[in-house]
mmCIF file of all heavy atoms, coordinates in Angstrom:
data_MODEL
# 
_entry.id   MODEL 
# 
loop_
_atom_site.group_PDB 
_atom_site.id 
_atom_site.type_symbol 
_atom_site.label_atom_id 
_atom_site.label_alt_id 
_atom_site.label_comp_id 
_atom_site.label_asym_id 
_atom_site.label_entity_id 
_atom_site.label_seq_id 
_atom_site.pdbx_PDB_ins_code 
_atom_site.Cartn_x 
_atom_site.Cartn_y 
_atom_site.Cartn_z 
_atom_site.occupancy 
_atom_site.B_iso_or_equiv 
_atom_site.pdbx_formal_charge 
_atom_site.auth_seq_id 
_atom_site.auth_comp_id 
_atom_site.auth_asym_id 
_atom_site.auth_atom_id 
_atom_site.pdbx_PDB_model_num 
ATOM 1   N N   . GLY A 1 1  ? 130.598 97.599  157.221 1.00 0.00 ? 1  GLY A N   1 
ATOM 2   C CA  . GLY A 1 1  ? 130.920 96.908  158.470 1.00 0.00 ? 1  GLY A CA  1 
ATOM 3   C C   . GLY A 1 1  ? 131.134 97.912  159.594 1.00 0.00 ? 1  GLY A C   1 
ATOM 4   O O   . GLY A 1 1  ? 131.523 99.088  159.379 1.00 0.00 ? 1  GLY A O   1 
ATOM 5   N N   . PHE A 1 2  ? 130.948 97.434  160.825 1.00 0.00 ? 2  PHE A N   1 
ATOM 6   C CA  . PHE A 1 2  ? 130.993 98.271  162.028 1.00 0.00 ? 2  PHE A CA  1 
ATOM 7   C C   . PHE A 1 2  ? 132.311 99.040  162.135 1.00 0.00 ? 2  PHE A C   1 
ATOM 8   O O   . PHE A 1 2  ? 132.328 100.229 162.474 1.00 0.00 ? 2  PHE A O   1 
ATOM 9   C CB  . PHE A 1 2  ? 130.829 97.369  163.239 1.00 0.00 ? 2  PHE A CB  1 
ATOM 10  C CG  . PHE A 1 2  ? 130.767 98.100  164.570 1.00 0.00 ? 2  PHE A CG  1 
ATOM 11  C CD1 . PHE A 1 2  ? 129.594 98.626  165.022 1.00 0.00 ? 2  PHE A CD1 1 
ATOM 12  C CD2 . PHE A 1 2  ? 131.905 98.244  165.335 1.00 0.00 ? 2  PHE A CD2 1 
ATOM 13  C CE1 . PHE A 1 2  ? 129.503 99.268  166.263 1.00 0.00 ? 2  PHE A CE1 1 
ATOM 14  C CE2 . PHE A 1 2  ? 131.852 98.900  166.569 1.00 0.00 ? 2  PHE A CE2 1 
ATOM 15  C CZ  . PHE A 1 2  ? 130.670 99.416  167.035 1.00 0.00 ? 2  PHE A CZ  1 
ATOM 16  N N   . ALA A 1 3  ? 133.449 98.386  161.841 1.00 0.00 ? 3  ALA A N   1 
ATOM 17  C CA  . ALA A 1 3  ? 134.753 99.006  162.057 1.00 0.00 ? 3  ALA A CA  1 
ATOM 18  C C   . ALA A 1 3  ? 135.286 99.718  160.834 1.00 0.00 ? 3  ALA A C   1 
ATOM 19  O O   . ALA A 1 3  ? 136.287 100.439 160.932 1.00 0.00 ? 3  ALA A O   1 
ATOM 20  C CB  . ALA A 1 3  ? 135.784 97.938  162.468 1.00 0.00 ? 3  ALA A CB  1 
ATOM 21  N N   . SER A 1 4  ? 134.638 99.596  159.684 1.00 0.00 ? 4  SER A N   1 
ATOM 22  C CA  . SER A 1 4  ? 135.217 100.121 158.436 1.00 0.00 ? 4  SER A CA  1 
ATOM 23  C C   . SER A 1 4  ? 134.752 101.555 158.144 1.00 0.00 ? 4  SER A C   1 
ATOM 24  O O   . SER A 1 4  ? 133.656 101.968 158.449 1.00 0.00 ? 4  SER A O   1 
ATOM 25  C CB  . SER A 1 4  ? 134.724 99.221  157.257 1.00 0.00 ? 4  SER A CB  1 
ATOM 26  O OG  . SER A 1 4  ? 135.173 99.755  156.020 1.00 0.00 ? 4  SER A OG  1 
ATOM 27  N N   . ALA A 1 5  ? 135.712 102.302 157.543 1.00 0.00 ? 5  ALA A N   1 
ATOM 28  C CA  . ALA A 1 5  ? 135.367 103.623 157.023 1.00 0.00 ? 5  ALA A CA  1 
ATOM 29  C C   . ALA A 1 5  ? 134.971 103.529 155.564 1.00 0.00 ? 5  ALA A C   1 
ATOM 30  O O   . ALA A 1 5  ? 134.162 104.362 155.075 1.00 0.00 ? 5  ALA A O   1 
ATOM 31  C CB  . ALA A 1 5  ? 136.562 104.582 157.200 1.00 0.00 ? 5  ALA A CB  1 
ATOM 32  N N   . LEU A 1 6  ? 135.547 102.619 154.822 1.00 0.00 ? 6  LEU A N   1 
ATOM 33  C CA  . LEU A 1 6  ? 135.245 102.446 153.411 1.00 0.00 ? 6  LEU A CA  1 
ATOM 34  C C   . LEU A 1 6  ? 135.566 101.005 153.030 1.00 0.00 ? 6  LEU A C   1 
ATOM 35  O O   . LEU A 1 6  ? 136.648 100.507 153.334 1.00 0.00 ? 6  LEU A O   1 
ATOM 36  C CB  . LEU A 1 6  ? 136.059 103.389 152.541 1.00 0.00 ? 6  LEU A CB  1 
ATOM 37  C CG  . LEU A 1 6  ? 135.884 103.270 150.992 1.00 0.00 ? 6  LEU A CG  1 
ATOM 38  C CD1 . LEU A 1 6  ? 134.416 103.484 150.587 1.00 0.00 ? 6  LEU A CD1 1 
ATOM 39  C CD2 . LEU A 1 6  ? 136.791 104.260 150.301 1.00 0.00 ? 6  LEU A CD2 1 
ATOM 40  N N   . THR A 1 7  ? 134.639 100.333 152.385 1.00 0.00 ? 7  THR A N   1 
ATOM 41  C CA  . THR A 1 7  ? 134.814 98.928  151.972 1.00 0.00 ? 7  THR A CA  1 
ATOM 42  C C   . THR A 1 7  ? 134.394 98.738  150.548 1.00 0.00 ? 7  THR A C   1 
ATOM 43  O O   . THR A 1 7  ? 133.336 99.244  150.114 1.00 0.00 ? 7  THR A O   1 
ATOM 44  C CB  . THR A 1 7  ? 133.936 97.991  152.871 1.00 0.00 ? 7  THR A CB  1 
ATOM 45  O OG1 . THR A 1 7  ? 134.485 98.002  154.191 1.00 0.00 ? 7  THR A OG1 1 
ATOM 46  C CG2 . THR A 1 7  ? 134.041 96.560  152.363 1.00 0.00 ? 7  THR A CG2 1 
ATOM 47  N N   . TYR A 1 8  ? 135.225 97.984  149.828 1.00 0.00 ? 8  TYR A N   1 
ATOM 48  C CA  . TYR A 1 8  ? 134.912 97.526  148.472 1.00 0.00 ? 8  TYR A CA  1 
ATOM 49  C C   . TYR A 1 8  ? 134.683 96.018  148.539 1.00 0.00 ? 8  TYR A C   1 
ATOM 50  O O   . TYR A 1 8  ? 135.538 95.289  149.012 1.00 0.00 ? 8  TYR A O   1 
ATOM 51  C CB  . TYR A 1 8  ? 136.024 97.837  147.509 1.00 0.00 ? 8  TYR A CB  1 
ATOM 52  C CG  . TYR A 1 8  ? 136.202 99.314  147.205 1.00 0.00 ? 8  TYR A CG  1 
ATOM 53  C CD1 . TYR A 1 8  ? 137.237 100.025 147.820 1.00 0.00 ? 8  TYR A CD1 1 
ATOM 54  C CD2 . TYR A 1 8  ? 135.344 99.999  146.365 1.00 0.00 ? 8  TYR A CD2 1 
ATOM 55  C CE1 . TYR A 1 8  ? 137.424 101.375 147.578 1.00 0.00 ? 8  TYR A CE1 1 
ATOM 56  C CE2 . TYR A 1 8  ? 135.506 101.382 146.121 1.00 0.00 ? 8  TYR A CE2 1 
ATOM 57  C CZ  . TYR A 1 8  ? 136.561 102.049 146.694 1.00 0.00 ? 8  TYR A CZ  1 
ATOM 58  O OH  . TYR A 1 8  ? 136.713 103.382 146.469 1.00 0.00 ? 8  TYR A OH  1 
ATOM 59  N N   . ASP A 1 9  ? 133.539 95.551  148.052 1.00 0.00 ? 9  ASP A N   1 
ATOM 60  C CA  . ASP A 1 9  ? 133.257 94.128  147.956 1.00 0.00 ? 9  ASP A CA  1 
ATOM 61  C C   . ASP A 1 9  ? 133.473 93.662  146.539 1.00 0.00 ? 9  ASP A C   1 
ATOM 62  O O   . ASP A 1 9  ? 133.106 94.364  145.566 1.00 0.00 ? 9  ASP A O   1 
ATOM 63  C CB  . ASP A 1 9  ? 131.810 93.829  148.364 1.00 0.00 ? 9  ASP A CB  1 
ATOM 64  C CG  . ASP A 1 9  ? 131.678 93.539  149.856 1.00 0.00 ? 9  ASP A CG  1 
ATOM 65  O OD1 . ASP A 1 9  ? 132.667 93.701  150.580 1.00 0.00 ? 9  ASP A OD1 1 
ATOM 66  O OD2 . ASP A 1 9  ? 130.538 93.182  150.271 1.00 0.00 ? 9  ASP A OD2 1 
ATOM 67  N N   . PHE A 1 10 ? 134.062 92.465  146.366 1.00 0.00 ? 10 PHE A N   1 
ATOM 68  C CA  . PHE A 1 10 ? 134.176 91.826  145.072 1.00 0.00 ? 10 PHE A CA  1 
ATOM 69  C C   . PHE A 1 10 ? 133.170 90.677  144.990 1.00 0.00 ? 10 PHE A C   1 
ATOM 70  O O   . PHE A 1 10 ? 133.003 89.920  145.934 1.00 0.00 ? 10 PHE A O   1 
ATOM 71  C CB  . PHE A 1 10 ? 135.593 91.211  144.919 1.00 0.00 ? 10 PHE A CB  1 
ATOM 72  C CG  . PHE A 1 10 ? 136.656 92.214  144.588 1.00 0.00 ? 10 PHE A CG  1 
ATOM 73  C CD1 . PHE A 1 10 ? 137.174 93.050  145.551 1.00 0.00 ? 10 PHE A CD1 1 
ATOM 74  C CD2 . PHE A 1 10 ? 137.155 92.327  143.282 1.00 0.00 ? 10 PHE A CD2 1 
ATOM 75  C CE1 . PHE A 1 10 ? 138.163 93.979  145.272 1.00 0.00 ? 10 PHE A CE1 1 
ATOM 76  C CE2 . PHE A 1 10 ? 138.149 93.269  142.976 1.00 0.00 ? 10 PHE A CE2 1 
ATOM 77  C CZ  . PHE A 1 10 ? 138.678 94.069  143.984 1.00 0.00 ? 10 PHE A CZ  1 
ATOM 78  N N   . GLU A 1 11 ? 132.490 90.630  143.865 1.00 0.00 ? 11 GLU A N   1 
ATOM 79  C CA  . GLU A 1 11 ? 131.532 89.566  143.600 1.00 0.00 ? 11 GLU A CA  1 
ATOM 80  C C   . GLU A 1 11 ? 131.911 88.898  142.293 1.00 0.00 ? 11 GLU A C   1 
ATOM 81  O O   . GLU A 1 11 ? 132.215 89.569  141.297 1.00 0.00 ? 11 GLU A O   1 
ATOM 82  C CB  . GLU A 1 11 ? 130.137 90.106  143.531 1.00 0.00 ? 11 GLU A CB  1 
ATOM 83  C CG  . GLU A 1 11 ? 129.627 90.718  144.801 1.00 0.00 ? 11 GLU A CG  1 
ATOM 84  C CD  . GLU A 1 11 ? 128.226 91.336  144.665 1.00 0.00 ? 11 GLU A CD  1 
ATOM 85  O OE1 . GLU A 1 11 ? 127.762 91.580  143.556 1.00 0.00 ? 11 GLU A OE1 1 
ATOM 86  O OE2 . GLU A 1 11 ? 127.608 91.529  145.733 1.00 0.00 ? 11 GLU A OE2 1 
ATOM 87  N N   . VAL A 1 12 ? 131.868 87.573  142.245 1.00 0.00 ? 12 VAL A N   1 
ATOM 88  C CA  . VAL A 1 12 ? 132.053 86.820  141.022 1.00 0.00 ? 12 VAL A CA  1 
ATOM 89  C C   . VAL A 1 12 ? 130.722 86.250  140.561 1.00 0.00 ? 12 VAL A C   1 
ATOM 90  O O   . VAL A 1 12 ? 129.845 85.974  141.358 1.00 0.00 ? 12 VAL A O   1 
ATOM 91  C CB  . VAL A 1 12 ? 133.119 85.704  141.184 1.00 0.00 ? 12 VAL A CB  1 
ATOM 92  C CG1 . VAL A 1 12 ? 134.495 86.299  141.522 1.00 0.00 ? 12 VAL A CG1 1 
ATOM 93  C CG2 . VAL A 1 12 ? 132.687 84.681  142.196 1.00 0.00 ? 12 VAL A CG2 1 
ATOM 94  N N   . TYR A 1 13 ? 130.622 86.100  139.241 1.00 0.00 ? 13 TYR A N   1 
ATOM 95  C CA  . TYR A 1 13 ? 129.374 85.591  138.697 1.00 0.00 ? 13 TYR A CA  1 
ATOM 96  C C   . TYR A 1 13 ? 129.394 84.044  138.664 1.00 0.00 ? 13 TYR A C   1 
ATOM 97  O O   . TYR A 1 13 ? 130.297 83.438  138.129 1.00 0.00 ? 13 TYR A O   1 
ATOM 98  C CB  . TYR A 1 13 ? 129.129 86.123  137.289 1.00 0.00 ? 13 TYR A CB  1 
ATOM 99  C CG  . TYR A 1 13 ? 127.775 85.768  136.762 1.00 0.00 ? 13 TYR A CG  1 
ATOM 100 C CD1 . TYR A 1 13 ? 126.614 86.334  137.279 1.00 0.00 ? 13 TYR A CD1 1 
ATOM 101 C CD2 . TYR A 1 13 ? 127.637 84.811  135.712 1.00 0.00 ? 13 TYR A CD2 1 
ATOM 102 C CE1 . TYR A 1 13 ? 125.392 86.011  136.799 1.00 0.00 ? 13 TYR A CE1 1 
ATOM 103 C CE2 . TYR A 1 13 ? 126.372 84.478  135.206 1.00 0.00 ? 13 TYR A CE2 1 
ATOM 104 C CZ  . TYR A 1 13 ? 125.234 85.098  135.746 1.00 0.00 ? 13 TYR A CZ  1 
ATOM 105 O OH  . TYR A 1 13 ? 124.000 84.767  135.272 1.00 0.00 ? 13 TYR A OH  1 
ATOM 106 N N   . SER A 1 14 ? 128.370 83.424  139.227 1.00 0.00 ? 14 SER A N   1 
ATOM 107 C CA  . SER A 1 14 ? 128.207 82.015  139.245 1.00 0.00 ? 14 SER A CA  1 
ATOM 108 C C   . SER A 1 14 ? 127.214 81.632  138.133 1.00 0.00 ? 14 SER A C   1 
ATOM 109 O O   . SER A 1 14 ? 125.992 81.894  138.253 1.00 0.00 ? 14 SER A O   1 
ATOM 110 C CB  . SER A 1 14 ? 127.657 81.566  140.619 1.00 0.00 ? 14 SER A CB  1 
ATOM 111 O OG  . SER A 1 14 ? 127.292 80.250  140.595 1.00 0.00 ? 14 SER A OG  1 
ATOM 112 N N   . ALA A 1 15 ? 127.754 81.058  137.038 1.00 0.00 ? 15 ALA A N   1 
ATOM 113 C CA  . ALA A 1 15 ? 126.961 80.905  135.837 1.00 0.00 ? 15 ALA A CA  1 
ATOM 114 C C   . ALA A 1 15 ? 125.858 79.903  135.954 1.00 0.00 ? 15 ALA A C   1 
ATOM 115 O O   . ALA A 1 15 ? 124.768 80.075  135.401 1.00 0.00 ? 15 ALA A O   1 
ATOM 116 C CB  . ALA A 1 15 ? 127.870 80.518  134.688 1.00 0.00 ? 15 ALA A CB  1 
ATOM 117 N N   . ALA A 1 16 ? 126.074 78.796  136.717 1.00 0.00 ? 16 ALA A N   1 
ATOM 118 C CA  . ALA A 1 16 ? 125.059 77.794  136.857 1.00 0.00 ? 16 ALA A CA  1 
ATOM 119 C C   . ALA A 1 16 ? 123.902 78.256  137.783 1.00 0.00 ? 16 ALA A C   1 
ATOM 120 O O   . ALA A 1 16 ? 122.745 77.959  137.557 1.00 0.00 ? 16 ALA A O   1 
ATOM 121 C CB  . ALA A 1 16 ? 125.655 76.501  137.378 1.00 0.00 ? 16 ALA A CB  1 
ATOM 122 N N   . GLN A 1 17 ? 124.276 79.032  138.792 1.00 0.00 ? 17 GLN A N   1 
ATOM 123 C CA  . GLN A 1 17 ? 123.238 79.583  139.698 1.00 0.00 ? 17 GLN A CA  1 
ATOM 124 C C   . GLN A 1 17 ? 122.655 80.888  139.193 1.00 0.00 ? 17 GLN A C   1 
ATOM 125 O O   . GLN A 1 17 ? 121.641 81.333  139.685 1.00 0.00 ? 17 GLN A O   1 
ATOM 126 C CB  . GLN A 1 17 ? 123.858 79.838  141.075 1.00 0.00 ? 17 GLN A CB  1 
ATOM 127 C CG  . GLN A 1 17 ? 124.376 78.578  141.758 1.00 0.00 ? 17 GLN A CG  1 
ATOM 128 C CD  . GLN A 1 17 ? 124.969 78.889  143.099 1.00 0.00 ? 17 GLN A CD  1 
ATOM 129 O OE1 . GLN A 1 17 ? 124.270 79.222  144.058 1.00 0.00 ? 17 GLN A OE1 1 
ATOM 130 N NE2 . GLN A 1 17 ? 126.300 78.813  143.204 1.00 0.00 ? 17 GLN A NE2 1 
ATOM 131 N N   . LYS A 1 18 ? 123.334 81.496  138.232 1.00 0.00 ? 18 LYS A N   1 
ATOM 132 C CA  . LYS A 1 18 ? 122.930 82.797  137.630 1.00 0.00 ? 18 LYS A CA  1 
ATOM 133 C C   . LYS A 1 18 ? 122.809 83.842  138.704 1.00 0.00 ? 18 LYS A C   1 
ATOM 134 O O   . LYS A 1 18 ? 121.809 84.573  138.785 1.00 0.00 ? 18 LYS A O   1 
ATOM 135 C CB  . LYS A 1 18 ? 121.626 82.627  136.867 1.00 0.00 ? 18 LYS A CB  1 
ATOM 136 C CG  . LYS A 1 18 ? 121.726 81.651  135.711 1.00 0.00 ? 18 LYS A CG  1 
ATOM 137 C CD  . LYS A 1 18 ? 120.427 81.477  134.941 1.00 0.00 ? 18 LYS A CD  1 
ATOM 138 C CE  . LYS A 1 18 ? 120.527 80.479  133.814 1.00 0.00 ? 18 LYS A CE  1 
ATOM 139 N NZ  . LYS A 1 18 ? 119.253 80.270  133.133 1.00 0.00 ? 18 LYS A NZ  1 
ATOM 140 N N   . ARG A 1 19 ? 123.812 83.941  139.525 1.00 0.00 ? 19 ARG A N   1 
ATOM 141 C CA  . ARG A 1 19 ? 123.802 84.941  140.622 1.00 0.00 ? 19 ARG A CA  1 
ATOM 142 C C   . ARG A 1 19 ? 125.245 85.314  140.949 1.00 0.00 ? 19 ARG A C   1 
ATOM 143 O O   . ARG A 1 19 ? 126.198 84.640  140.609 1.00 0.00 ? 19 ARG A O   1 
ATOM 144 C CB  . ARG A 1 19 ? 123.087 84.411  141.840 1.00 0.00 ? 19 ARG A CB  1 
ATOM 145 C CG  . ARG A 1 19 ? 123.659 83.166  142.464 1.00 0.00 ? 19 ARG A CG  1 
ATOM 146 C CD  . ARG A 1 19 ? 122.760 82.588  143.549 1.00 0.00 ? 19 ARG A CD  1 
ATOM 147 N NE  . ARG A 1 19 ? 122.657 83.494  144.667 1.00 0.00 ? 19 ARG A NE  1 
ATOM 148 C CZ  . ARG A 1 19 ? 123.299 83.330  145.850 1.00 0.00 ? 19 ARG A CZ  1 
ATOM 149 N NH1 . ARG A 1 19 ? 124.092 82.265  145.993 1.00 0.00 ? 19 ARG A NH1 1 
ATOM 150 N NH2 . ARG A 1 19 ? 123.183 84.178  146.798 1.00 0.00 ? 19 ARG A NH2 1 
ATOM 151 N N   . TRP A 1 20 ? 125.347 86.480  141.646 1.00 0.00 ? 20 TRP A N   1 
ATOM 152 C CA  . TRP A 1 20 ? 126.664 86.957  142.059 1.00 0.00 ? 20 TRP A CA  1 
ATOM 153 C C   . TRP A 1 20 ? 126.989 86.464  143.484 1.00 0.00 ? 20 TRP A C   1 
ATOM 154 O O   . TRP A 1 20 ? 126.142 86.427  144.330 1.00 0.00 ? 20 TRP A O   1 
ATOM 155 C CB  . TRP A 1 20 ? 126.652 88.496  142.050 1.00 0.00 ? 20 TRP A CB  1 
ATOM 156 C CG  . TRP A 1 20 ? 126.550 89.100  140.693 1.00 0.00 ? 20 TRP A CG  1 
ATOM 157 C CD1 . TRP A 1 20 ? 125.406 89.461  140.032 1.00 0.00 ? 20 TRP A CD1 1 
ATOM 158 C CD2 . TRP A 1 20 ? 127.625 89.395  139.803 1.00 0.00 ? 20 TRP A CD2 1 
ATOM 159 N NE1 . TRP A 1 20 ? 125.679 89.953  138.813 1.00 0.00 ? 20 TRP A NE1 1 
ATOM 160 C CE2 . TRP A 1 20 ? 127.050 89.929  138.613 1.00 0.00 ? 20 TRP A CE2 1 
ATOM 161 C CE3 . TRP A 1 20 ? 129.020 89.220  139.859 1.00 0.00 ? 20 TRP A CE3 1 
ATOM 162 C CZ2 . TRP A 1 20 ? 127.816 90.326  137.518 1.00 0.00 ? 20 TRP A CZ2 1 
ATOM 163 C CZ3 . TRP A 1 20 ? 129.757 89.612  138.770 1.00 0.00 ? 20 TRP A CZ3 1 
ATOM 164 C CH2 . TRP A 1 20 ? 129.183 90.146  137.658 1.00 0.00 ? 20 TRP A CH2 1 
ATOM 165 N N   . LEU A 1 21 ? 128.256 86.083  143.678 1.00 0.00 ? 21 LEU A N   1 
ATOM 166 C CA  . LEU A 1 21 ? 128.734 85.597  144.945 1.00 0.00 ? 21 LEU A CA  1 
ATOM 167 C C   . LEU A 1 21 ? 129.827 86.494  145.477 1.00 0.00 ? 21 LEU A C   1 
ATOM 168 O O   . LEU A 1 21 ? 130.833 86.731  144.806 1.00 0.00 ? 21 LEU A O   1 
ATOM 169 C CB  . LEU A 1 21 ? 129.272 84.172  144.820 1.00 0.00 ? 21 LEU A CB  1 
ATOM 170 C CG  . LEU A 1 21 ? 128.328 83.090  144.217 1.00 0.00 ? 21 LEU A CG  1 
ATOM 171 C CD1 . LEU A 1 21 ? 129.099 81.799  144.047 1.00 0.00 ? 21 LEU A CD1 1 
ATOM 172 C CD2 . LEU A 1 21 ? 127.098 82.886  145.108 1.00 0.00 ? 21 LEU A CD2 1 
ATOM 173 N N   . GLU A 1 22 ? 129.676 86.952  146.682 1.00 0.00 ? 22 GLU A N   1 
ATOM 174 C CA  . GLU A 1 22 ? 130.741 87.795  147.301 1.00 0.00 ? 22 GLU A CA  1 
ATOM 175 C C   . GLU A 1 22 ? 131.924 86.925  147.636 1.00 0.00 ? 22 GLU A C   1 
ATOM 176 O O   . GLU A 1 22 ? 131.799 85.909  148.300 1.00 0.00 ? 22 GLU A O   1 
ATOM 177 C CB  . GLU A 1 22 ? 130.207 88.479  148.562 1.00 0.00 ? 22 GLU A CB  1 
ATOM 178 C CG  . GLU A 1 22 ? 131.226 89.382  149.240 1.00 0.00 ? 22 GLU A CG  1 
ATOM 179 C CD  . GLU A 1 22 ? 130.865 89.751  150.667 1.00 0.00 ? 22 GLU A CD  1 
ATOM 180 O OE1 . GLU A 1 22 ? 129.667 89.844  150.938 1.00 0.00 ? 22 GLU A OE1 1 
ATOM 181 O OE2 . GLU A 1 22 ? 131.792 89.901  151.503 1.00 0.00 ? 22 GLU A OE2 1 
ATOM 182 N N   . VAL A 1 23 ? 133.117 87.369  147.232 1.00 0.00 ? 23 VAL A N   1 
ATOM 183 C CA  . VAL A 1 23 ? 134.338 86.580  147.498 1.00 0.00 ? 23 VAL A CA  1 
ATOM 184 C C   . VAL A 1 23 ? 135.422 87.373  148.216 1.00 0.00 ? 23 VAL A C   1 
ATOM 185 O O   . VAL A 1 23 ? 136.428 86.801  148.648 1.00 0.00 ? 23 VAL A O   1 
ATOM 186 C CB  . VAL A 1 23 ? 134.903 86.021  146.182 1.00 0.00 ? 23 VAL A CB  1 
ATOM 187 C CG1 . VAL A 1 23 ? 133.986 84.998  145.575 1.00 0.00 ? 23 VAL A CG1 1 
ATOM 188 C CG2 . VAL A 1 23 ? 135.248 87.144  145.187 1.00 0.00 ? 23 VAL A CG2 1 
ATOM 189 N N   . SER A 1 24 ? 135.220 88.689  148.342 1.00 0.00 ? 24 SER A N   1 
ATOM 190 C CA  . SER A 1 24 ? 136.274 89.496  148.999 1.00 0.00 ? 24 SER A CA  1 
ATOM 191 C C   . SER A 1 24 ? 135.662 90.811  149.511 1.00 0.00 ? 24 SER A C   1 
ATOM 192 O O   . SER A 1 24 ? 134.781 91.392  148.850 1.00 0.00 ? 24 SER A O   1 
ATOM 193 C CB  . SER A 1 24 ? 137.426 89.792  148.047 1.00 0.00 ? 24 SER A CB  1 
ATOM 194 O OG  . SER A 1 24 ? 138.352 90.661  148.674 1.00 0.00 ? 24 SER A OG  1 
ATOM 195 N N   . SER A 1 25 ? 136.192 91.273  150.669 1.00 0.00 ? 25 SER A N   1 
ATOM 196 C CA  . SER A 1 25 ? 135.965 92.625  151.137 1.00 0.00 ? 25 SER A CA  1 
ATOM 197 C C   . SER A 1 25 ? 137.323 93.254  151.401 1.00 0.00 ? 25 SER A C   1 
ATOM 198 O O   . SER A 1 25 ? 138.181 92.602  152.008 1.00 0.00 ? 25 SER A O   1 
ATOM 199 C CB  . SER A 1 25 ? 135.168 92.653  152.418 1.00 0.00 ? 25 SER A CB  1 
ATOM 200 O OG  . SER A 1 25 ? 133.804 92.270  152.147 1.00 0.00 ? 25 SER A OG  1 
# 
């Protein structure tokens, strides 16, 4: 992100879609 020096993103696994969804930065 423009203002960030360091960011950790959290992703949870969506089993029916079989993909990862970002839920937090």
